[in-house]
Structures are given as structure tokens and as C-alpha cells.
PDB file of N, CA and C in Angstrom:
ATOM      1  N   MET A   1     -15.152 -27.689 -21.280  1.00  0.00           N
ATOM      2  CA  MET A   1     -14.343 -27.555 -20.080  1.00  0.00           C
ATOM      3  C   MET A   1     -15.220 -27.257 -18.873  1.00  0.00           C
ATOM      4  N   GLY A   2     -16.278 -26.484 -19.040  1.00  0.00           N
ATOM      5  CA  GLY A   2     -17.096 -26.049 -17.921  1.00  0.00           C
ATOM      6  C   GLY A   2     -17.805 -27.146 -17.170  1.00  0.00           C
ATOM      7  N   SER A   3     -18.208 -28.213 -17.835  1.00  0.00           N
ATOM      8  CA  SER A   3     -18.977 -29.256 -17.162  1.00  0.00           C
ATOM      9  C   SER A   3     -18.085 -30.292 -16.479  1.00  0.00           C
ATOM     10  N   THR A   4     -16.799 -30.283 -16.776  1.00  0.00           N
ATOM     11  CA  THR A   4     -15.884 -31.276 -16.220  1.00  0.00           C
ATOM     12  C   THR A   4     -15.497 -30.988 -14.778  1.00  0.00           C
ATOM     13  N   TRP A   5     -15.426 -29.728 -14.407  1.00  0.00           N
ATOM     14  CA  TRP A   5     -14.911 -29.326 -13.105  1.00  0.00           C
ATOM     15  C   TRP A   5     -16.008 -28.797 -12.196  1.00  0.00           C
ATOM     16  N   ALA A   6     -15.773 -28.875 -10.899  1.00  0.00           N
ATOM     17  CA  ALA A   6     -16.692 -28.298  -9.909  1.00  0.00           C
ATOM     18  C   ALA A   6     -16.299 -26.839  -9.713  1.00  0.00           C
ATOM     19  N   TRP A   7     -17.086 -25.937 -10.289  1.00  0.00           N
ATOM     20  CA  TRP A   7     -16.798 -24.505 -10.205  1.00  0.00           C
ATOM     21  C   TRP A   7     -17.332 -23.936  -8.903  1.00  0.00           C
ATOM     22  N   ARG A   8     -16.551 -23.031  -8.293  1.00  0.00           N
ATOM     23  CA  ARG A   8     -16.937 -22.401  -7.022  1.00  0.00           C
ATOM     24  C   ARG A   8     -16.922 -20.897  -7.177  1.00  0.00           C
ATOM     25  N   LYS A   9     -17.918 -20.264  -6.591  1.00  0.00           N
ATOM     26  CA  LYS A   9     -18.031 -18.812  -6.612  1.00  0.00           C
ATOM     27  C   LYS A   9     -17.802 -18.299  -5.192  1.00  0.00           C
ATOM     28  N   SER A  10     -17.163 -17.177  -5.070  1.00  0.00           N
ATOM     29  CA  SER A  10     -16.875 -16.600  -3.761  1.00  0.00           C
ATOM     30  C   SER A  10     -18.153 -16.319  -2.984  1.00  0.00           C
ATOM     31  N   SER A  11     -18.138 -16.626  -1.707  1.00  0.00           N
ATOM     32  CA  SER A  11     -19.281 -16.316  -0.850  1.00  0.00           C
ATOM     33  C   SER A  11     -19.405 -14.810  -0.639  1.00  0.00           C
ATOM     34  N   ALA A  12     -18.358 -14.067  -0.933  1.00  0.00           N
ATOM     35  CA  ALA A  12     -18.390 -12.611  -0.787  1.00  0.00           C
ATOM     36  C   ALA A  12     -18.948 -11.904  -2.021  1.00  0.00           C
ATOM     37  N   SER A  13     -19.373 -12.675  -3.028  1.00  0.00           N
ATOM     38  CA  SER A  13     -19.817 -12.073  -4.284  1.00  0.00           C
ATOM     39  C   SER A  13     -21.236 -11.539  -4.234  1.00  0.00           C
ATOM     40  N   GLY A  14     -21.961 -11.790  -3.176  1.00  0.00           N
ATOM     41  CA  GLY A  14     -23.329 -11.270  -3.066  1.00  0.00           C
ATOM     42  C   GLY A  14     -24.360 -12.317  -3.445  1.00  0.00           C
ATOM     43  N   LYS A  15     -25.435 -11.843  -4.064  1.00  0.00           N
ATOM     44  CA  LYS A  15     -26.530 -12.735  -4.442  1.00  0.00           C
ATOM     45  C   LYS A  15     -26.070 -13.731  -5.511  1.00  0.00           C
ATOM     46  N   PRO A  16     -26.688 -14.920  -5.560  1.00  0.00           N
ATOM     47  CA  PRO A  16     -26.286 -15.933  -6.550  1.00  0.00           C
ATOM     48  C   PRO A  16     -26.326 -15.446  -7.997  1.00  0.00           C
ATOM     49  N   GLU A  17     -27.219 -14.512  -8.320  1.00  0.00           N
ATOM     50  CA  GLU A  17     -27.309 -14.042  -9.711  1.00  0.00           C
ATOM     51  C   GLU A  17     -26.315 -12.922 -10.030  1.00  0.00           C
ATOM     52  N   ASP A  18     -25.574 -12.423  -9.025  1.00  0.00           N
ATOM     53  CA  ASP A  18     -24.576 -11.380  -9.263  1.00  0.00           C
ATOM     54  C   ASP A  18     -23.428 -11.925 -10.111  1.00  0.00           C
ATOM     55  N   ASP A  19     -22.888 -11.056 -10.979  1.00  0.00           N
ATOM     56  CA  ASP A  19     -21.727 -11.438 -11.779  1.00  0.00           C
ATOM     57  C   ASP A  19     -20.481 -11.419 -10.910  1.00  0.00           C
ATOM     58  N   CYS A  20     -19.629 -12.359 -11.143  1.00  0.00           N
ATOM     59  CA  CYS A  20     -18.413 -12.507 -10.363  1.00  0.00           C
ATOM     60  C   CYS A  20     -17.492 -13.422 -11.151  1.00  0.00           C
ATOM     61  N   VAL A  21     -16.449 -13.911 -10.518  1.00  0.00           N
ATOM     62  CA  VAL A  21     -15.623 -14.941 -11.131  1.00  0.00           C
ATOM     63  C   VAL A  21     -15.811 -16.236 -10.356  1.00  0.00           C
ATOM     64  N   GLU A  22     -15.562 -17.337 -11.045  1.00  0.00           N
ATOM     65  CA  GLU A  22     -15.616 -18.657 -10.422  1.00  0.00           C
ATOM     66  C   GLU A  22     -14.265 -19.315 -10.621  1.00  0.00           C
ATOM     67  N   ILE A  23     -13.935 -20.215  -9.720  1.00  0.00           N
ATOM     68  CA  ILE A  23     -12.694 -20.970  -9.856  1.00  0.00           C
ATOM     69  C   ILE A  23     -12.996 -22.460  -9.789  1.00  0.00           C
ATOM     70  N   ALA A  24     -12.103 -23.233 -10.384  1.00  0.00           N
ATOM     71  CA  ALA A  24     -12.183 -24.692 -10.297  1.00  0.00           C
ATOM     72  C   ALA A  24     -10.765 -25.218 -10.151  1.00  0.00           C
ATOM     73  N   TRP A  25     -10.588 -26.202  -9.309  1.00  0.00           N
ATOM     74  CA  TRP A  25      -9.289 -26.852  -9.086  1.00  0.00           C
ATOM     75  C   TRP A  25      -9.284 -28.147  -9.881  1.00  0.00           C
ATOM     76  N   THR A  26      -8.284 -28.330 -10.745  1.00  0.00           N
ATOM     77  CA  THR A  26      -8.212 -29.524 -11.586  1.00  0.00           C
ATOM     78  C   THR A  26      -7.366 -30.624 -10.961  1.00  0.00           C
ATOM     79  N   GLY A  27      -6.695 -30.310  -9.892  1.00  0.00           N
ATOM     80  CA  GLY A  27      -5.742 -31.239  -9.303  1.00  0.00           C
ATOM     81  C   GLY A  27      -4.315 -30.806  -9.592  1.00  0.00           C
ATOM     82  N   THR A  28      -4.141 -30.009 -10.657  1.00  0.00           N
ATOM     83  CA  THR A  28      -2.808 -29.495 -11.005  1.00  0.00           C
ATOM     84  C   THR A  28      -2.816 -28.007 -11.318  1.00  0.00           C
ATOM     85  N   THR A  29      -3.977 -27.456 -11.701  1.00  0.00           N
ATOM     86  CA  THR A  29      -4.071 -26.037 -12.034  1.00  0.00           C
ATOM     87  C   THR A  29      -5.379 -25.450 -11.490  1.00  0.00           C
ATOM     88  N   VAL A  30      -5.428 -24.126 -11.464  1.00  0.00           N
ATOM     89  CA  VAL A  30      -6.642 -23.413 -11.074  1.00  0.00           C
ATOM     90  C   VAL A  30      -7.220 -22.776 -12.335  1.00  0.00           C
ATOM     91  N   LEU A  31      -8.509 -23.010 -12.582  1.00  0.00           N
ATOM     92  CA  LEU A  31      -9.211 -22.413 -13.717  1.00  0.00           C
ATOM     93  C   LEU A  31     -10.038 -21.245 -13.193  1.00  0.00           C
ATOM     94  N   ILE A  32     -10.074 -20.154 -13.937  1.00  0.00           N
ATOM     95  CA  ILE A  32     -10.818 -18.960 -13.529  1.00  0.00           C
ATOM     96  C   ILE A  32     -11.678 -18.518 -14.708  1.00  0.00           C
ATOM     97  N   ARG A  33     -12.968 -18.253 -14.440  1.00  0.00           N
ATOM     98  CA  ARG A  33     -13.856 -17.799 -15.510  1.00  0.00           C
ATOM     99  C   ARG A  33     -14.833 -16.754 -14.980  1.00  0.00           C
ATOM    100  N   ASP A  34     -15.421 -16.004 -15.890  1.00  0.00           N
ATOM    101  CA  ASP A  34     -16.422 -14.994 -15.584  1.00  0.00           C
ATOM    102  C   ASP A  34     -17.788 -15.674 -15.516  1.00  0.00           C
ATOM    103  N   THR A  35     -18.525 -15.458 -14.429  1.00  0.00           N
ATOM    104  CA  THR A  35     -19.839 -16.109 -14.301  1.00  0.00           C
ATOM    105  C   THR A  35     -20.816 -15.623 -15.356  1.00  0.00           C
ATOM    106  N   ALA A  36     -20.614 -14.406 -15.858  1.00  0.00           N
ATOM    107  CA  ALA A  36     -21.513 -13.871 -16.883  1.00  0.00           C
ATOM    108  C   ALA A  36     -21.219 -14.481 -18.257  1.00  0.00           C
ATOM    109  N   ARG A  37     -20.045 -15.093 -18.417  1.00  0.00           N
ATOM    110  CA  ARG A  37     -19.641 -15.690 -19.703  1.00  0.00           C
ATOM    111  C   ARG A  37     -19.095 -17.087 -19.457  1.00  0.00           C
ATOM    112  N   ARG A  38     -19.920 -17.955 -18.929  1.00  0.00           N
ATOM    113  CA  ARG A  38     -19.453 -19.301 -18.559  1.00  0.00           C
ATOM    114  C   ARG A  38     -18.916 -20.109 -19.733  1.00  0.00           C
ATOM    115  N   ARG A  39     -19.341 -19.795 -20.938  1.00  0.00           N
ATOM    116  CA  ARG A  39     -18.820 -20.485 -22.122  1.00  0.00           C
ATOM    117  C   ARG A  39     -17.688 -19.695 -22.778  1.00  0.00           C
ATOM    118  N   GLY A  40     -17.262 -18.625 -22.126  1.00  0.00           N
ATOM    119  CA  GLY A  40     -16.200 -17.782 -22.656  1.00  0.00           C
ATOM    120  C   GLY A  40     -14.818 -18.291 -22.283  1.00  0.00           C
ATOM    121  N   PRO A  41     -13.815 -17.446 -22.431  1.00  0.00           N
ATOM    122  CA  PRO A  41     -12.441 -17.839 -22.132  1.00  0.00           C
ATOM    123  C   PRO A  41     -12.252 -18.221 -20.663  1.00  0.00           C
ATOM    124  N   VAL A  42     -11.282 -19.070 -20.433  1.00  0.00           N
ATOM    125  CA  VAL A  42     -10.906 -19.514 -19.089  1.00  0.00           C
ATOM    126  C   VAL A  42      -9.428 -19.195 -18.908  1.00  0.00           C
ATOM    127  N   VAL A  43      -9.083 -18.633 -17.754  1.00  0.00           N
ATOM    128  CA  VAL A  43      -7.682 -18.369 -17.423  1.00  0.00           C
ATOM    129  C   VAL A  43      -7.184 -19.535 -16.587  1.00  0.00           C
ATOM    130  N   VAL A  44      -6.004 -20.045 -16.939  1.00  0.00           N
ATOM    131  CA  VAL A  44      -5.408 -21.181 -16.231  1.00  0.00           C
ATOM    132  C   VAL A  44      -4.129 -20.712 -15.546  1.00  0.00           C
ATOM    133  N   VAL A  45      -4.036 -20.957 -14.234  1.00  0.00           N
ATOM    134  CA  VAL A  45      -2.824 -20.608 -13.495  1.00  0.00           C
ATOM    135  C   VAL A  45      -2.381 -21.808 -12.665  1.00  0.00           C
ATOM    136  N   GLY A  46      -1.108 -21.849 -12.393  1.00  0.00           N
ATOM    137  CA  GLY A  46      -0.575 -22.898 -11.541  1.00  0.00           C
ATOM    138  C   GLY A  46      -0.833 -22.582 -10.073  1.00  0.00           C
ATOM    139  N   PRO A  47      -0.661 -23.584  -9.214  1.00  0.00           N
ATOM    140  CA  PRO A  47      -0.917 -23.378  -7.791  1.00  0.00           C
ATOM    141  C   PRO A  47      -0.040 -22.298  -7.158  1.00  0.00           C
ATOM    142  N   ASP A  48       1.205 -22.164  -7.604  1.00  0.00           N
ATOM    143  CA  ASP A  48       2.077 -21.130  -7.032  1.00  0.00           C
ATOM    144  C   ASP A  48       1.580 -19.731  -7.395  1.00  0.00           C
ATOM    145  N   ALA A  49       1.162 -19.547  -8.651  1.00  0.00           N
ATOM    146  CA  ALA A  49       0.636 -18.250  -9.074  1.00  0.00           C
ATOM    147  C   ALA A  49      -0.674 -17.944  -8.350  1.00  0.00           C
ATOM    148  N   TRP A  50      -1.514 -18.957  -8.153  1.00  0.00           N
ATOM    149  CA  TRP A  50      -2.788 -18.752  -7.447  1.00  0.00           C
ATOM    150  C   TRP A  50      -2.535 -18.349  -5.991  1.00  0.00           C
ATOM    151  N   THR A  51      -1.600 -19.018  -5.344  1.00  0.00           N
ATOM    152  CA  THR A  51      -1.260 -18.694  -3.957  1.00  0.00           C
ATOM    153  C   THR A  51      -0.708 -17.277  -3.861  1.00  0.00           C
ATOM    154  N   ALA A  52       0.147 -16.905  -4.818  1.00  0.00           N
ATOM    155  CA  ALA A  52       0.691 -15.548  -4.825  1.00  0.00           C
ATOM    156  C   ALA A  52      -0.417 -14.520  -5.031  1.00  0.00           C
ATOM    157  N   PHE A  53      -1.366 -14.820  -5.915  1.00  0.00           N
ATOM    158  CA  PHE A  53      -2.488 -13.908  -6.134  1.00  0.00           C
ATOM    159  C   PHE A  53      -3.297 -13.742  -4.857  1.00  0.00           C
ATOM    160  N   LEU A  54      -3.646 -14.853  -4.207  1.00  0.00           N
ATOM    161  CA  LEU A  54      -4.423 -14.769  -2.966  1.00  0.00           C
ATOM    162  C   LEU A  54      -3.674 -13.989  -1.897  1.00  0.00           C
ATOM    163  N   SER A  55      -2.368 -14.172  -1.831  1.00  0.00           N
ATOM    164  CA  SER A  55      -1.562 -13.415  -0.869  1.00  0.00           C
ATOM    165  C   SER A  55      -1.606 -11.928  -1.176  1.00  0.00           C
ATOM    166  N   SER A  56      -1.586 -11.575  -2.467  1.00  0.00           N
ATOM    167  CA  SER A  56      -1.603 -10.161  -2.836  1.00  0.00           C
ATOM    168  C   SER A  56      -2.946  -9.508  -2.536  1.00  0.00           C
ATOM    169  N   VAL A  57      -4.007 -10.292  -2.532  1.00  0.00           N
ATOM    170  CA  VAL A  57      -5.329  -9.754  -2.211  1.00  0.00           C
ATOM    171  C   VAL A  57      -5.400  -9.376  -0.732  1.00  0.00           C
ATOM    172  N   THR A  58      -4.778 -10.175   0.102  1.00  0.00           N
ATOM    173  CA  THR A  58      -4.812  -9.911   1.537  1.00  0.00           C
ATOM    174  C   THR A  58      -3.665  -9.020   2.003  1.00  0.00           C
ATOM    175  N   ASP A  59      -2.579  -8.959   1.210  1.00  0.00           N
ATOM    176  CA  ASP A  59      -1.419  -8.150   1.572  1.00  0.00           C
ATOM    177  C   ASP A  59      -0.900  -7.445   0.317  1.00  0.00           C
ATOM    178  N   PRO A  60      -1.283  -6.177   0.096  1.00  0.00           N
ATOM    179  CA  PRO A  60      -0.905  -5.463  -1.124  1.00  0.00           C
ATOM    180  C   PRO A  60       0.600  -5.332  -1.353  1.00  0.00           C
ATOM    181  N   SER A  61       1.412  -5.583  -0.338  1.00  0.00           N
ATOM    182  CA  SER A  61       2.861  -5.489  -0.527  1.00  0.00           C
ATOM    183  C   SER A  61       3.421  -6.713  -1.253  1.00  0.00           C
ATOM    184  N   VAL A  62       2.609  -7.768  -1.412  1.00  0.00           N
ATOM    185  CA  VAL A  62       3.051  -8.987  -2.110  1.00  0.00           C
ATOM    186  C   VAL A  62       2.919  -8.766  -3.608  1.00  0.00           C
ATOM    187  N   HIS A  63       3.974  -9.067  -4.348  1.00  0.00           N
ATOM    188  CA  HIS A  63       3.974  -8.935  -5.807  1.00  0.00           C
ATOM    189  C   HIS A  63       3.592 -10.273  -6.453  1.00  0.00           C
ATOM    190  N   VAL A  64       2.617 -10.238  -7.345  1.00  0.00           N
ATOM    191  CA  VAL A  64       2.194 -11.451  -8.049  1.00  0.00           C
ATOM    192  C   VAL A  64       3.124 -11.642  -9.244  1.00  0.00           C
ATOM    193  N   ASP A  65       3.758 -12.805  -9.322  1.00  0.00           N
ATOM    194  CA  ASP A  65       4.647 -13.122 -10.426  1.00  0.00           C
ATOM    195  C   ASP A  65       4.446 -14.584 -10.791  1.00  0.00           C
ATOM    196  N   GLY A  66       3.787 -14.839 -11.915  1.00  0.00           N
ATOM    197  CA  GLY A  66       3.536 -16.207 -12.331  1.00  0.00           C
ATOM    198  C   GLY A  66       3.009 -16.236 -13.747  1.00  0.00           C
ATOM    199  N   ASP A  67       3.046 -17.400 -14.358  1.00  0.00           N
ATOM    200  CA  ASP A  67       2.558 -17.553 -15.722  1.00  0.00           C
ATOM    201  C   ASP A  67       1.036 -17.645 -15.717  1.00  0.00           C
ATOM    202  N   VAL A  68       0.402 -16.887 -16.594  1.00  0.00           N
ATOM    203  CA  VAL A  68      -1.038 -16.925 -16.766  1.00  0.00           C
ATOM    204  C   VAL A  68      -1.289 -17.191 -18.239  1.00  0.00           C
ATOM    205  N   THR A  69      -2.014 -18.249 -18.549  1.00  0.00           N
ATOM    206  CA  THR A  69      -2.271 -18.619 -19.925  1.00  0.00           C
ATOM    207  C   THR A  69      -3.759 -18.597 -20.209  1.00  0.00           C
ATOM    208  N   PRO A  70      -4.231 -17.717 -21.127  1.00  0.00           N
ATOM    209  CA  PRO A  70      -5.656 -17.755 -21.476  1.00  0.00           C
ATOM    210  C   PRO A  70      -5.956 -18.989 -22.320  1.00  0.00           C
ATOM    211  N   VAL A  71      -7.073 -19.609 -22.042  1.00  0.00           N
ATOM    212  CA  VAL A  71      -7.467 -20.818 -22.767  1.00  0.00           C
ATOM    213  C   VAL A  71      -8.881 -20.644 -23.260  1.00  0.00           C
ATOM    214  N   ARG A  72      -9.141 -20.953 -24.501  1.00  0.00           N
ATOM    215  CA  ARG A  72     -10.503 -20.890 -25.033  1.00  0.00           C
ATOM    216  C   ARG A  72     -11.130 -22.277 -24.939  1.00  0.00           C
ATOM    217  N   PRO A  73     -12.405 -22.334 -24.469  1.00  0.00           N
ATOM    218  CA  PRO A  73     -13.076 -23.647 -24.366  1.00  0.00           C
ATOM    219  C   PRO A  73     -13.307 -24.265 -25.723  1.00  0.00           C
TER     220      PRO A  73
END
């Protein structure tokens, strides 16, 4: 799964070797993985859940409510 998608790391994560999470857009879902475990589990969320999550990061009064499915590579 890791080589199929263009993974992006947050510019706010610090140095390139710092551990963080990466995301990839598949065209229908958002994939999320730990940079320290790139061959580890991947979390898959739909665009609505991803948008709600991003909103909650910028506005703590927003409640995140969406399906999150762990996927093993």
C-alpha cells in the first residue's frame, strides 16, 4: 500500500527525520500512517471524517464523528 500513494508529511512536523504522521489521498479516502512505522498499520477515513478531524484541530468545539477503519498492509 505504501508505494502506491503519494504520502505527505506536515510541514509543521519539524526536521525531515522527526517522527510524525503522513497522509495520502486515494481519490476516495484518506490514508494515515506513522512515519516511524511506514510498513505498519494504516488508518483509512472518508473525506467527511477527515474534514471533521481537521476542523476539530483548528476549532476544539467541533466534535469528530466518522467511521475509522484500521487496515493492515
